[in-house]
Amino acid sequence: MAITSVFTWDPTTADYSSPSNWNPAFAPTDPSRTAIFGTSTITGITLPGATTIEVGEWLFSPGASHYSFTEGASTSVRFYGGGILVLGGSAEITIPSGNTMIFLNSSTAGNASIANNGIVTFFGLSTGGTANITNDHSIEFIEYSSAGHARIETGSTGGIGFSGFSNGGDATLVTDTGGIVDFSRSVGPAGDRHLSVGSIAGRGNYYLGSDQLVVGLDGKSPTVLGAIDDGNALGSGTGGGSLVKVGHDTLTLAGVGNTYSGGTTLEGGALDLAALGAAGTGPIAFAGRATLKIENAALSGHVFATNNIDFFAKHDVLDLTGLHFHAGATATYHKASHHLTVHSGRVTDTLTLLAPHGTHFATASDHHGGTDVFLVFA
């Protein structure tokens, strides 16, 4: 939708809906209009209750003041153009319970700070931008929308849903105990059930359905203490969900008994397994230079039996963080059983390697007390 007219906030009161607070004066409910916020002495703006506010974009010009927006009850704000564009100052928005904020077409949440207790919905090609969002109720990404580069922290009563062809983009998702993120209803931007996200973290639950989720695009080193499961937030749906770890950071999985069954692929960085069954039920496959850290908590009787390890190659590392390194430690591959046994002192850890790129291994200290295992030649 083309933006056809521009109006500047020039208030005598805090009432967003008052035509006299705009220059030129207008009733701000037209989706073709741009509302500009510059320097002002009135920066705490009140949006009226029981109304729908339609606008092309809110533009905060360079040198703008720091603004905050408070909505009345039963208010819906809808962006049809650029969305929230913060070139200067800041925009803090509180969405109460029962209220909605909707991003349409190619609009963006920009780098606004949003405290959501209502419903935020992204349609079309809209995006979360670089917004900082605290979510205590509901955020939905629909059609071809994306979470963009936003940071979204979902509280114990909140949920994020992806459906249609939507995607997590490069967003940072932190989910507290009781909070959920459900990717299962999206088929991804290409329709092949491949999605991405910058990182996932926290004690909440992540549902993959049958989707493949690429994580690690934001360069952070997160820890997931909650569940990563097949199916959906309703406890139903299909299985076969999988993770692909990219980037140079470390992803720590510390949830016990994750149920995603499509496997985990390591393309870069490190995957740290800190609980029994943390990597779901499928295989762990190396597909680039990467490190797999296996802590004692991920072993049962010094045996890593939950996941097969595939395609271990030169320059890859198995870091047995809890196996204290002693001089003379050895790693021996048994072709018949596919077992790699790592001896250090009087302790032996056993792993199952399928189709490694060689069968001769060496050990070294990981410089944190544990034992590193690597391939020495094919």
Protein backbone atom coordinates (compact mmCIF):
# COMPACT_ATOMS: atom_id res chain seq x y z
CA MET A 1 0.00 0.00 0.00
CA ALA A 2 1.44 3.37 -1.03
CA ILE A 3 2.00 5.91 1.73
CA THR A 4 0.44 9.13 0.46
CA SER A 5 0.62 11.67 3.27
CA VAL A 6 2.84 12.64 6.19
CA PHE A 7 1.79 14.02 9.57
CA THR A 8 4.03 15.13 12.42
CA TRP A 9 3.39 14.72 16.13
CA ASP A 10 3.03 18.31 17.44
CA PRO A 11 0.98 17.86 20.61
CA THR A 12 -0.62 19.82 23.35
CA THR A 13 -1.90 16.64 25.05
CA ALA A 14 -0.86 12.95 25.14
CA ASP A 15 -3.90 11.78 23.15
CA TYR A 16 -2.79 10.03 19.93
CA SER A 17 -6.33 10.25 18.49
CA SER A 18 -6.75 14.00 18.83
CA PRO A 19 -6.44 15.69 15.39
CA SER A 20 -5.11 18.85 17.06
CA ASN A 21 -1.98 16.97 18.21
CA TRP A 22 -0.84 16.51 14.60
CA ASN A 23 0.51 18.89 11.99
CA PRO A 24 -1.43 19.11 9.78
CA ALA A 25 -4.40 18.08 11.87
CA PHE A 26 -5.93 14.68 11.06
CA ALA A 27 -7.74 11.78 12.67
CA PRO A 28 -4.95 9.13 12.64
CA THR A 29 -6.87 6.10 11.37
CA ASP A 30 -5.78 6.00 7.71
CA PRO A 31 -3.53 3.10 6.56
CA SER A 32 -1.96 5.25 3.83
CA ARG A 33 -0.43 7.77 6.23
CA THR A 34 2.97 8.16 7.86
CA ALA A 35 3.06 9.45 11.43
CA ILE A 36 6.37 11.18 12.19
CA PHE A 37 7.73 11.59 15.70
CA GLY A 38 10.56 14.05 16.26
CA THR A 39 11.61 16.09 19.28
CA SER A 40 8.73 16.69 21.68
CA THR A 41 8.08 17.58 25.30
CA ILE A 42 5.14 15.15 25.35
CA THR A 43 6.56 11.65 24.80
CA GLY A 44 4.20 9.46 26.84
CA ILE A 45 1.47 8.86 24.26
CA THR A 46 -1.94 7.36 25.02
CA LEU A 47 -3.79 5.35 22.38
CA PRO A 48 -7.60 5.37 22.79
CA GLY A 49 -9.50 2.29 23.90
CA ALA A 50 -12.13 0.36 21.97
CA THR A 51 -10.82 1.44 18.58
CA THR A 52 -8.79 0.29 15.59
CA ILE A 53 -5.82 2.44 14.66
CA GLU A 54 -4.65 1.99 11.07
CA VAL A 55 -1.47 3.62 9.87
CA GLY A 56 1.20 3.09 7.24
CA GLU A 57 4.14 3.60 9.55
CA TRP A 58 5.43 5.27 12.66
CA LEU A 59 8.67 7.02 11.73
CA PHE A 60 10.95 8.26 14.53
CA SER A 61 13.23 10.75 12.88
CA PRO A 62 16.96 11.27 13.64
CA GLY A 63 17.25 13.17 16.91
CA ALA A 64 13.78 12.11 18.02
CA SER A 65 12.83 11.92 21.68
CA HIS A 66 12.34 8.70 23.63
CA TYR A 67 8.67 7.74 23.27
CA SER A 68 6.41 5.36 25.16
CA PHE A 69 2.97 4.20 24.01
CA THR A 70 0.20 2.97 26.30
CA GLU A 71 -2.95 1.47 24.83
CA GLY A 72 -6.47 1.69 26.18
CA ALA A 73 -8.58 -1.46 26.51
CA SER A 74 -9.67 -3.34 23.35
CA THR A 75 -7.36 -1.44 21.02
CA SER A 76 -5.99 -2.81 17.76
CA VAL A 77 -3.02 -1.16 16.02
CA ARG A 78 -2.42 -2.16 12.40
CA PHE A 79 0.59 -1.26 10.23
CA TYR A 80 0.17 -1.39 6.46
CA GLY A 81 3.34 0.28 5.20
CA GLY A 82 6.82 0.45 6.72
CA GLY A 83 5.71 -0.40 10.25
CA ILE A 84 7.85 0.99 13.08
CA LEU A 85 10.97 2.77 11.81
CA VAL A 86 13.22 4.10 14.56
CA LEU A 87 15.96 6.30 13.08
CA GLY A 88 16.46 8.22 16.31
CA GLY A 89 15.27 8.16 19.91
CA SER A 90 13.32 5.07 20.91
CA ALA A 91 9.84 3.56 20.95
CA GLU A 92 8.55 1.56 23.91
CA ILE A 93 5.14 -0.02 23.40
CA THR A 94 2.95 -1.81 25.94
CA ILE A 95 0.20 -4.07 24.58
CA PRO A 96 -2.34 -4.96 27.31
CA SER A 97 -4.32 -8.17 27.58
CA GLY A 98 -7.17 -8.20 25.06
CA ASN A 99 -5.38 -5.89 22.64
CA THR A 100 -3.75 -6.65 19.29
CA MET A 101 -0.94 -5.31 17.14
CA ILE A 102 -0.84 -6.45 13.52
CA PHE A 103 1.95 -6.08 10.96
CA LEU A 104 0.79 -6.41 7.35
CA ASN A 105 2.39 -6.41 3.90
CA SER A 106 6.15 -5.69 4.31
CA SER A 107 5.94 -3.82 7.59
CA THR A 108 8.45 -4.31 10.40
CA ALA A 109 8.60 -4.01 14.17
CA GLY A 110 11.91 -2.19 13.62
CA ASN A 111 13.99 -1.82 16.74
CA ALA A 112 11.07 -1.02 18.99
CA SER A 113 10.82 -2.35 22.54
CA ILE A 114 7.50 -4.16 22.91
CA ALA A 115 5.97 -5.58 26.09
CA ASN A 116 3.23 -7.89 24.87
CA ASN A 117 0.38 -9.14 27.02
CA GLY A 118 -2.03 -9.34 24.09
CA ILE A 119 -1.70 -10.74 20.58
CA VAL A 120 0.93 -9.67 18.05
CA THR A 121 0.51 -11.05 14.54
CA PHE A 122 2.79 -10.80 11.52
CA PHE A 123 1.23 -11.34 8.07
CA GLY A 124 2.48 -11.18 4.50
CA LEU A 125 6.21 -10.42 4.25
CA SER A 126 6.32 -8.57 7.55
CA THR A 127 9.17 -9.06 9.99
CA GLY A 128 10.15 -8.71 13.62
CA GLY A 129 13.03 -6.47 12.55
CA THR A 130 15.53 -5.96 15.35
CA ALA A 131 12.85 -5.44 17.98
CA ASN A 132 13.29 -6.41 21.62
CA ILE A 133 10.06 -8.15 22.60
CA THR A 134 8.93 -9.57 25.94
CA ASN A 135 6.03 -11.90 25.26
CA ASP A 136 3.63 -12.97 27.99
CA HIS A 137 0.76 -14.04 25.76
CA SER A 138 0.80 -14.72 22.02
CA ILE A 139 2.89 -13.94 18.94
CA GLU A 140 2.00 -15.49 15.58
CA PHE A 141 4.07 -15.51 12.40
CA ILE A 142 1.79 -16.29 9.45
CA GLU A 143 2.08 -16.49 5.65
CA TYR A 144 5.65 -15.51 4.58
CA SER A 145 6.50 -13.46 7.66
CA SER A 146 9.71 -13.81 9.65
CA ALA A 147 10.94 -13.12 13.16
CA GLY A 148 13.83 -11.31 11.46
CA HIS A 149 16.67 -10.34 13.79
CA ALA A 150 14.42 -9.72 16.80
CA ARG A 151 15.12 -10.84 20.33
CA ILE A 152 11.98 -12.39 21.79
CA GLU A 153 11.81 -13.54 25.40
CA THR A 154 8.69 -15.57 26.09
CA GLY A 155 7.50 -15.84 29.68
CA SER A 156 5.74 -18.68 31.47
CA THR A 157 2.31 -17.77 30.05
CA GLY A 158 3.46 -16.97 26.54
CA GLY A 159 3.70 -18.73 23.23
CA ILE A 160 5.09 -18.17 19.73
CA GLY A 161 3.61 -19.95 16.73
CA PHE A 162 4.91 -20.28 13.18
CA SER A 163 2.54 -21.31 10.38
CA GLY A 164 2.19 -21.09 6.61
CA PHE A 165 5.60 -20.35 5.06
CA SER A 166 6.89 -18.31 7.99
CA ASN A 167 10.41 -18.53 9.39
CA GLY A 168 12.45 -17.75 12.48
CA GLY A 169 15.04 -15.83 10.45
CA ASP A 170 18.06 -14.87 12.56
CA ALA A 171 16.01 -14.16 15.67
CA THR A 172 17.14 -14.89 19.21
CA LEU A 173 14.44 -16.82 21.08
CA VAL A 174 14.64 -17.19 24.86
CA THR A 175 11.78 -19.16 26.39
CA ASP A 176 11.11 -19.41 30.12
CA THR A 177 9.59 -22.39 31.98
CA GLY A 178 6.02 -22.87 30.77
CA GLY A 179 6.56 -20.85 27.61
CA ILE A 180 6.40 -22.51 24.19
CA VAL A 181 7.65 -22.01 20.65
CA ASP A 182 5.86 -24.11 18.03
CA PHE A 183 7.53 -24.35 14.60
CA SER A 184 5.49 -27.38 13.56
CA ARG A 185 2.75 -25.61 11.59
CA SER A 186 5.16 -23.89 9.19
CA VAL A 187 6.50 -25.54 6.04
CA GLY A 188 9.31 -22.97 5.83
CA PRO A 189 9.87 -20.22 3.24
CA ALA A 190 10.60 -22.71 0.43
CA GLY A 191 7.81 -25.12 1.38
CA ASP A 192 10.30 -27.93 2.18
CA ARG A 193 9.86 -27.83 5.97
CA HIS A 194 13.31 -26.25 6.39
CA LEU A 195 13.32 -23.33 8.82
CA SER A 196 16.00 -21.26 10.53
CA VAL A 197 16.45 -19.24 13.69
CA GLY A 198 19.36 -17.33 15.18
CA SER A 199 19.31 -19.29 18.44
CA ILE A 200 17.01 -21.00 20.90
CA ALA A 201 17.54 -20.91 24.66
CA GLY A 202 15.86 -21.21 28.03
CA ARG A 203 13.70 -23.62 30.03
CA GLY A 204 10.62 -23.53 27.80
CA ASN A 205 9.49 -26.07 25.21
CA TYR A 206 10.31 -26.06 21.50
CA TYR A 207 8.18 -28.11 19.09
CA LEU A 208 9.58 -29.07 15.69
CA GLY A 209 6.89 -31.32 14.23
CA SER A 210 8.58 -32.76 11.14
CA ASP A 211 10.59 -29.59 10.44
CA GLN A 212 14.33 -29.23 10.11
CA LEU A 213 15.50 -26.24 12.16
CA VAL A 214 18.85 -24.58 11.46
CA VAL A 215 20.23 -22.89 14.60
CA GLY A 216 23.31 -20.78 15.30
CA LEU A 217 22.88 -17.90 12.86
CA ASP A 218 23.14 -15.17 15.51
CA GLY A 219 26.60 -16.19 16.79
CA LYS A 220 25.49 -16.64 20.39
CA SER A 221 26.24 -19.62 22.66
CA PRO A 222 22.84 -20.51 24.14
CA THR A 223 21.72 -23.23 26.53
CA VAL A 224 18.41 -25.03 26.07
CA LEU A 225 17.25 -26.47 29.40
CA GLY A 226 13.72 -27.17 28.23
CA ALA A 227 12.36 -29.80 25.85
CA ILE A 228 12.92 -30.03 22.10
CA ASP A 229 10.23 -32.34 20.81
CA ASP A 230 8.50 -33.71 17.74
CA GLY A 231 4.81 -32.98 17.35
CA ASN A 232 3.18 -29.72 18.36
CA ALA A 233 2.14 -27.76 21.41
CA LEU A 234 -1.15 -29.69 21.57
CA GLY A 235 0.67 -32.97 22.12
CA SER A 236 -0.12 -34.30 18.66
CA GLY A 237 1.21 -33.89 15.12
CA THR A 238 3.87 -35.65 13.09
CA GLY A 239 7.44 -36.53 14.05
CA GLY A 240 10.86 -36.50 12.43
CA GLY A 241 11.98 -33.05 13.56
CA SER A 242 15.71 -32.34 13.32
CA LEU A 243 18.35 -29.77 14.24
CA VAL A 244 21.23 -28.44 12.14
CA LYS A 245 23.96 -26.64 14.12
CA VAL A 246 25.83 -23.94 12.17
CA GLY A 247 28.15 -21.08 13.13
CA HIS A 248 31.18 -20.95 15.42
CA ASP A 249 29.36 -20.79 18.75
CA THR A 250 28.42 -23.55 21.20
CA LEU A 251 24.88 -24.87 21.51
CA THR A 252 24.30 -26.59 24.85
CA LEU A 253 21.40 -29.04 25.09
CA ALA A 254 20.59 -29.76 28.74
CA GLY A 255 17.03 -31.05 28.56
CA VAL A 256 16.57 -34.67 29.63
CA GLY A 257 14.93 -37.04 27.14
CA ASN A 258 14.24 -34.75 24.19
CA THR A 259 11.99 -36.54 21.69
CA TYR A 260 12.90 -34.98 18.34
CA SER A 261 13.70 -37.97 16.19
CA GLY A 262 15.15 -36.72 12.90
CA GLY A 263 18.71 -36.35 14.15
CA THR A 264 21.24 -33.57 14.69
CA THR A 265 23.71 -32.35 12.07
CA LEU A 266 26.89 -30.49 13.04
CA GLU A 267 28.10 -28.09 10.35
CA GLY A 268 30.21 -25.89 12.61
CA GLY A 269 31.01 -24.81 16.13
CA ALA A 270 30.28 -27.10 19.05
CA LEU A 271 27.34 -29.09 20.37
CA ASP A 272 27.49 -29.68 24.12
CA LEU A 273 25.30 -32.50 25.42
CA ALA A 274 24.68 -31.99 29.13
CA ALA A 275 21.85 -34.43 29.85
CA LEU A 276 20.76 -37.96 29.04
CA GLY A 277 18.87 -37.99 25.75
CA ALA A 278 19.53 -34.30 25.13
CA ALA A 279 20.05 -34.82 21.37
CA GLY A 280 16.76 -36.61 20.88
CA THR A 281 16.58 -40.13 19.49
CA GLY A 282 18.17 -39.78 16.06
CA PRO A 283 21.81 -39.92 14.95
CA ILE A 284 24.36 -37.12 15.36
CA ALA A 285 26.10 -36.49 12.04
CA PHE A 286 29.23 -34.44 11.37
CA ALA A 287 28.96 -32.35 8.18
CA GLY A 288 31.82 -29.88 8.68
CA ARG A 289 34.55 -29.05 11.18
CA ALA A 290 32.82 -29.32 14.52
CA THR A 291 33.14 -30.44 18.13
CA LEU A 292 30.78 -32.77 19.95
CA LYS A 293 31.06 -32.34 23.71
CA ILE A 294 29.63 -35.19 25.77
CA GLU A 295 29.34 -34.54 29.49
CA ASN A 296 29.05 -37.25 32.14
CA ALA A 297 25.38 -36.41 32.56
CA ALA A 298 24.76 -37.50 28.96
CA LEU A 299 26.26 -40.95 29.59
CA SER A 300 24.66 -43.98 31.18
CA GLY A 301 27.27 -46.10 32.92
CA HIS A 302 30.04 -44.45 30.88
CA VAL A 303 28.25 -45.48 27.67
CA PHE A 304 26.82 -42.98 25.18
CA ALA A 305 23.98 -45.15 23.93
CA THR A 306 21.23 -42.70 22.97
CA ASN A 307 22.60 -41.57 19.61
CA ASN A 308 24.82 -43.06 16.94
CA ILE A 309 27.60 -40.71 15.76
CA ASP A 310 27.99 -40.57 11.97
CA PHE A 311 30.69 -39.39 9.55
CA PHE A 312 33.34 -38.41 12.10
CA ALA A 313 36.24 -36.94 10.09
CA LYS A 314 39.65 -35.36 10.39
CA HIS A 315 39.50 -31.96 12.14
CA ASP A 316 36.37 -33.04 14.04
CA VAL A 317 36.67 -33.45 17.82
CA LEU A 318 34.92 -35.60 20.40
CA ASP A 319 35.32 -33.84 23.73
CA LEU A 320 34.60 -36.18 26.65
CA THR A 321 34.49 -33.44 29.20
CA GLY A 322 34.00 -35.72 32.20
CA LEU A 323 36.65 -38.32 31.30
CA HIS A 324 39.67 -37.06 33.21
CA PHE A 325 42.72 -37.01 30.95
CA HIS A 326 45.67 -39.17 32.01
CA ALA A 327 48.97 -39.59 30.21
CA GLY A 328 48.76 -42.67 28.03
CA ALA A 329 45.05 -42.37 27.32
CA THR A 330 43.93 -44.28 24.20
CA ALA A 331 41.01 -44.42 21.78
CA THR A 332 40.36 -47.67 19.94
CA TYR A 333 37.81 -48.30 17.21
CA HIS A 334 36.25 -51.77 16.97
CA LYS A 335 34.99 -52.30 13.42
CA ALA A 336 32.75 -55.26 14.20
CA SER A 337 30.77 -53.49 16.90
CA HIS A 338 31.27 -49.90 15.65
CA HIS A 339 32.30 -49.01 19.19
CA LEU A 340 34.92 -46.41 20.02
CA THR A 341 36.33 -47.11 23.47
CA VAL A 342 38.30 -44.32 25.12
CA HIS A 343 40.52 -45.37 28.06
CA SER A 344 41.94 -42.82 30.47
CA GLY A 345 43.29 -43.96 33.80
CA ARG A 346 40.96 -46.70 35.01
CA VAL A 347 37.86 -45.34 33.27
CA THR A 348 36.50 -46.25 29.82
CA ASP A 349 33.84 -44.34 27.89
CA THR A 350 32.13 -46.11 24.98
CA LEU A 351 30.51 -44.49 21.95
CA THR A 352 29.02 -45.89 18.73
CA LEU A 353 30.53 -44.50 15.50
CA LEU A 354 29.00 -45.43 12.15
CA ALA A 355 30.90 -44.79 8.92
CA PRO A 356 33.76 -42.72 10.38
CA HIS A 357 36.18 -41.33 7.81
CA GLY A 358 38.96 -43.40 9.36
CA THR A 359 39.62 -45.87 12.15
CA HIS A 360 42.77 -44.55 13.81
CA PHE A 361 42.25 -42.15 16.68
CA ALA A 362 44.39 -40.23 19.16
CA THR A 363 43.67 -38.52 22.45
CA ALA A 364 44.74 -35.28 24.08
CA SER A 365 43.78 -33.07 26.99
CA ASP A 366 40.92 -30.69 26.30
CA HIS A 367 42.67 -28.20 28.66
CA HIS A 368 39.68 -28.33 31.01
CA GLY A 369 40.47 -31.66 32.63
CA GLY A 370 38.69 -33.83 30.05
CA THR A 371 39.78 -35.90 27.07
CA ASP A 372 39.68 -34.93 23.40
CA VAL A 373 39.48 -37.62 20.71
CA PHE A 374 40.38 -36.94 17.08
CA LEU A 375 41.12 -38.81 13.89
CA VAL A 376 44.84 -39.03 13.07
CA PHE A 377 44.70 -40.56 9.56
CA ALA A 378 42.26 -42.40 7.31
